[in-house]
């Protein structure tokens, strides 16, 4: 993960969730763990938004994919990305 600039922020989390994060990442790795989790979620949400915004754009055109083909392709991309 690359950073152009680090900025301090204040995030409120349930205590039990923070305990789980600390067990997995260690208290010194907390910020990186949270940043990586948020980056992964942002990427997933952006992909979902792009899919929704372009749904049906290729319908009736050569090379268009059925909804099942699109889902299989997205699943393959997720496997390749490790998510």
N, C-alpha and C. Protein backbone atom coordinates (compact mmCIF):
# COMPACT_ATOMS: atom_id res chain seq x y z
N UNK A 1 0.85 -1.17 0.00
CA UNK A 1 0.00 0.00 0.00
C UNK A 1 0.89 1.23 0.00
N UNK A 2 0.59 2.22 -0.84
CA UNK A 2 1.38 3.43 -0.90
C UNK A 2 0.60 4.58 -0.28
N UNK A 3 1.33 5.51 0.25
CA UNK A 3 0.71 6.67 0.88
C UNK A 3 1.28 7.92 0.25
N UNK A 4 0.44 8.85 -0.14
CA UNK A 4 0.95 10.12 -0.60
C UNK A 4 1.21 11.02 0.60
N UNK A 5 0.37 10.91 1.60
CA UNK A 5 0.53 11.70 2.82
C UNK A 5 -0.25 11.00 3.93
N UNK A 6 0.35 10.90 5.08
CA UNK A 6 -0.35 10.33 6.22
C UNK A 6 -1.02 11.45 6.99
N UNK A 7 -2.26 11.23 7.39
CA UNK A 7 -3.03 12.21 8.13
C UNK A 7 -3.60 11.52 9.36
N UNK A 8 -3.49 12.16 10.49
CA UNK A 8 -4.04 11.61 11.72
C UNK A 8 -5.56 11.88 11.75
N UNK A 9 -6.28 10.86 12.16
CA UNK A 9 -7.73 10.98 12.29
C UNK A 9 -8.17 10.26 13.55
N UNK A 10 -9.37 10.49 13.94
CA UNK A 10 -9.92 9.86 15.13
C UNK A 10 -11.09 8.98 14.70
N UNK A 11 -11.01 7.70 14.98
CA UNK A 11 -12.05 6.75 14.59
C UNK A 11 -12.55 6.06 15.85
N UNK A 12 -13.84 5.93 15.97
CA UNK A 12 -14.44 5.25 17.12
C UNK A 12 -14.86 3.85 16.70
N UNK A 13 -14.38 2.84 17.44
CA UNK A 13 -14.69 1.45 17.15
C UNK A 13 -15.22 0.78 18.41
N UNK A 14 -16.05 -0.23 18.26
CA UNK A 14 -16.47 -1.01 19.42
C UNK A 14 -15.24 -1.65 20.08
N UNK A 15 -15.23 -1.69 21.39
CA UNK A 15 -14.08 -2.21 22.14
C UNK A 15 -13.71 -3.63 21.74
N UNK A 16 -14.72 -4.48 21.54
CA UNK A 16 -14.41 -5.86 21.20
C UNK A 16 -13.77 -5.97 19.81
N UNK A 17 -14.17 -5.10 18.87
CA UNK A 17 -13.56 -5.10 17.55
C UNK A 17 -12.11 -4.63 17.64
N UNK A 18 -11.85 -3.60 18.41
CA UNK A 18 -10.49 -3.11 18.59
C UNK A 18 -9.61 -4.17 19.24
N UNK A 19 -10.15 -4.90 20.19
CA UNK A 19 -9.40 -6.00 20.80
C UNK A 19 -9.00 -7.04 19.76
N UNK A 20 -9.92 -7.35 18.85
CA UNK A 20 -9.62 -8.32 17.79
C UNK A 20 -8.53 -7.80 16.86
N UNK A 21 -8.63 -6.51 16.49
CA UNK A 21 -7.61 -5.90 15.64
C UNK A 21 -6.25 -5.99 16.31
N UNK A 22 -6.19 -5.62 17.58
CA UNK A 22 -4.92 -5.64 18.31
C UNK A 22 -4.34 -7.05 18.42
N UNK A 23 -5.21 -8.04 18.59
CA UNK A 23 -4.73 -9.43 18.65
C UNK A 23 -4.12 -9.84 17.32
N UNK A 24 -4.72 -9.40 16.23
CA UNK A 24 -4.24 -9.79 14.91
C UNK A 24 -3.05 -8.95 14.44
N UNK A 25 -3.09 -7.67 14.70
CA UNK A 25 -2.07 -6.76 14.16
C UNK A 25 -1.06 -6.30 15.20
N UNK A 26 -1.39 -6.47 16.46
CA UNK A 26 -0.55 -5.90 17.51
C UNK A 26 -0.84 -4.42 17.64
N UNK A 27 -0.72 -3.87 18.82
CA UNK A 27 -1.05 -2.45 19.01
C UNK A 27 -0.21 -1.54 18.13
N UNK A 28 1.05 -1.92 17.85
CA UNK A 28 1.91 -1.08 17.01
C UNK A 28 1.53 -1.20 15.54
N UNK A 29 0.75 -2.22 15.17
CA UNK A 29 0.35 -2.40 13.78
C UNK A 29 -1.10 -1.99 13.52
N UNK A 30 -1.72 -1.41 14.52
CA UNK A 30 -3.15 -1.07 14.43
C UNK A 30 -3.46 -0.15 13.25
N UNK A 31 -2.74 0.94 13.11
CA UNK A 31 -3.05 1.91 12.05
C UNK A 31 -2.92 1.29 10.67
N UNK A 32 -1.84 0.55 10.46
CA UNK A 32 -1.65 -0.09 9.15
C UNK A 32 -2.77 -1.08 8.86
N UNK A 33 -3.14 -1.87 9.86
CA UNK A 33 -4.20 -2.87 9.70
C UNK A 33 -5.51 -2.19 9.31
N UNK A 34 -5.86 -1.15 10.02
CA UNK A 34 -7.12 -0.43 9.74
C UNK A 34 -7.04 0.23 8.36
N UNK A 35 -5.91 0.85 8.04
CA UNK A 35 -5.76 1.50 6.73
C UNK A 35 -5.90 0.50 5.59
N UNK A 36 -5.29 -0.68 5.74
CA UNK A 36 -5.39 -1.70 4.70
C UNK A 36 -6.82 -2.21 4.56
N UNK A 37 -7.51 -2.38 5.68
CA UNK A 37 -8.90 -2.85 5.64
C UNK A 37 -9.80 -1.82 4.95
N UNK A 38 -9.60 -0.55 5.28
CA UNK A 38 -10.40 0.51 4.67
C UNK A 38 -10.09 0.61 3.18
N UNK A 39 -8.81 0.52 2.81
CA UNK A 39 -8.44 0.58 1.39
C UNK A 39 -9.09 -0.55 0.60
N UNK A 40 -9.11 -1.74 1.19
CA UNK A 40 -9.75 -2.88 0.52
C UNK A 40 -11.24 -2.64 0.34
N UNK A 41 -11.89 -2.09 1.35
CA UNK A 41 -13.33 -1.81 1.27
C UNK A 41 -13.62 -0.72 0.24
N UNK A 42 -12.79 0.32 0.20
CA UNK A 42 -12.97 1.39 -0.78
C UNK A 42 -12.85 0.84 -2.19
N UNK A 43 -11.85 -0.01 -2.42
CA UNK A 43 -11.66 -0.61 -3.74
C UNK A 43 -12.87 -1.45 -4.14
N UNK A 44 -13.37 -2.26 -3.19
CA UNK A 44 -14.53 -3.11 -3.46
C UNK A 44 -15.77 -2.27 -3.75
N UNK A 45 -15.99 -1.22 -2.95
CA UNK A 45 -17.16 -0.37 -3.17
C UNK A 45 -17.07 0.39 -4.49
N UNK A 46 -15.86 0.85 -4.85
CA UNK A 46 -15.69 1.55 -6.12
C UNK A 46 -15.97 0.61 -7.30
N UNK A 47 -15.51 -0.64 -7.20
CA UNK A 47 -15.79 -1.62 -8.24
C UNK A 47 -17.28 -1.87 -8.35
N UNK A 48 -17.94 -2.03 -7.21
CA UNK A 48 -19.39 -2.24 -7.21
C UNK A 48 -20.13 -1.07 -7.85
N UNK A 49 -19.70 0.15 -7.53
CA UNK A 49 -20.33 1.34 -8.11
C UNK A 49 -20.13 1.37 -9.62
N UNK A 50 -18.92 1.04 -10.08
CA UNK A 50 -18.65 1.03 -11.53
C UNK A 50 -19.51 -0.02 -12.23
N UNK A 51 -19.67 -1.16 -11.60
CA UNK A 51 -20.50 -2.22 -12.19
C UNK A 51 -21.95 -1.76 -12.29
N UNK A 52 -22.46 -1.16 -11.21
CA UNK A 52 -23.85 -0.68 -11.23
C UNK A 52 -24.05 0.43 -12.26
N UNK A 53 -23.08 1.34 -12.37
CA UNK A 53 -23.22 2.47 -13.29
C UNK A 53 -23.16 2.04 -14.76
N UNK A 54 -22.47 0.95 -15.03
CA UNK A 54 -22.32 0.51 -16.42
C UNK A 54 -23.17 -0.71 -16.76
N UNK A 55 -24.01 -1.13 -15.85
CA UNK A 55 -24.84 -2.32 -16.08
C UNK A 55 -25.67 -2.13 -17.34
N UNK A 56 -25.60 -3.11 -18.21
CA UNK A 56 -26.39 -3.09 -19.44
C UNK A 56 -25.76 -2.31 -20.58
N UNK A 57 -24.60 -1.71 -20.37
CA UNK A 57 -23.99 -0.88 -21.42
C UNK A 57 -23.66 -1.69 -22.67
N UNK A 58 -23.35 -2.96 -22.52
CA UNK A 58 -22.99 -3.79 -23.67
C UNK A 58 -24.14 -4.66 -24.17
N UNK A 59 -25.30 -4.51 -23.58
CA UNK A 59 -26.44 -5.34 -23.98
C UNK A 59 -26.73 -5.15 -25.47
N UNK A 60 -26.79 -6.27 -26.18
CA UNK A 60 -27.11 -6.23 -27.60
C UNK A 60 -25.92 -5.92 -28.49
N UNK A 61 -24.74 -5.74 -27.92
CA UNK A 61 -23.55 -5.44 -28.73
C UNK A 61 -22.66 -6.68 -28.80
N UNK A 62 -21.91 -6.79 -29.89
CA UNK A 62 -20.96 -7.92 -29.97
C UNK A 62 -19.98 -7.87 -28.79
N UNK A 63 -19.72 -9.01 -28.20
CA UNK A 63 -18.80 -9.06 -27.07
C UNK A 63 -19.46 -8.81 -25.74
N UNK A 64 -20.76 -8.55 -25.75
CA UNK A 64 -21.48 -8.33 -24.50
C UNK A 64 -21.51 -9.60 -23.67
N UNK A 65 -21.62 -9.44 -22.36
CA UNK A 65 -21.60 -10.59 -21.46
C UNK A 65 -22.97 -10.70 -20.77
N UNK A 66 -23.37 -11.92 -20.51
CA UNK A 66 -24.59 -12.14 -19.74
C UNK A 66 -24.29 -11.80 -18.27
N UNK A 67 -25.32 -11.56 -17.46
CA UNK A 67 -25.08 -11.31 -16.04
C UNK A 67 -24.28 -12.43 -15.36
N UNK A 68 -24.55 -13.68 -15.73
CA UNK A 68 -23.79 -14.80 -15.15
C UNK A 68 -22.31 -14.74 -15.56
N UNK A 69 -22.05 -14.36 -16.80
CA UNK A 69 -20.66 -14.24 -17.26
C UNK A 69 -19.95 -13.10 -16.53
N UNK A 70 -20.65 -12.00 -16.30
CA UNK A 70 -20.07 -10.88 -15.57
C UNK A 70 -19.72 -11.30 -14.15
N UNK A 71 -20.63 -12.00 -13.48
CA UNK A 71 -20.37 -12.43 -12.10
C UNK A 71 -19.18 -13.39 -12.05
N UNK A 72 -19.08 -14.29 -13.03
CA UNK A 72 -17.95 -15.21 -13.07
C UNK A 72 -16.65 -14.43 -13.27
N UNK A 73 -16.68 -13.42 -14.13
CA UNK A 73 -15.50 -12.59 -14.38
C UNK A 73 -15.10 -11.81 -13.13
N UNK A 74 -16.06 -11.22 -12.44
CA UNK A 74 -15.78 -10.48 -11.21
C UNK A 74 -15.23 -11.41 -10.14
N UNK A 75 -15.81 -12.59 -10.01
CA UNK A 75 -15.30 -13.57 -9.05
C UNK A 75 -13.84 -13.92 -9.36
N UNK A 76 -13.52 -14.07 -10.64
CA UNK A 76 -12.15 -14.38 -11.04
C UNK A 76 -11.20 -13.23 -10.68
N UNK A 77 -11.65 -11.99 -10.90
CA UNK A 77 -10.83 -10.82 -10.55
C UNK A 77 -10.58 -10.79 -9.04
N UNK A 78 -11.61 -11.07 -8.27
CA UNK A 78 -11.46 -11.06 -6.80
C UNK A 78 -10.49 -12.14 -6.34
N UNK A 79 -10.57 -13.32 -6.95
CA UNK A 79 -9.63 -14.39 -6.59
C UNK A 79 -8.21 -13.98 -6.91
N UNK A 80 -8.01 -13.37 -8.08
CA UNK A 80 -6.68 -12.94 -8.48
C UNK A 80 -6.15 -11.83 -7.58
N UNK A 81 -7.05 -11.00 -7.04
CA UNK A 81 -6.64 -9.88 -6.18
C UNK A 81 -6.52 -10.32 -4.73
N UNK A 82 -6.90 -11.54 -4.43
CA UNK A 82 -6.80 -12.04 -3.05
C UNK A 82 -7.94 -11.55 -2.18
N UNK A 83 -9.01 -11.05 -2.75
CA UNK A 83 -10.11 -10.54 -1.93
C UNK A 83 -11.35 -11.22 -2.23
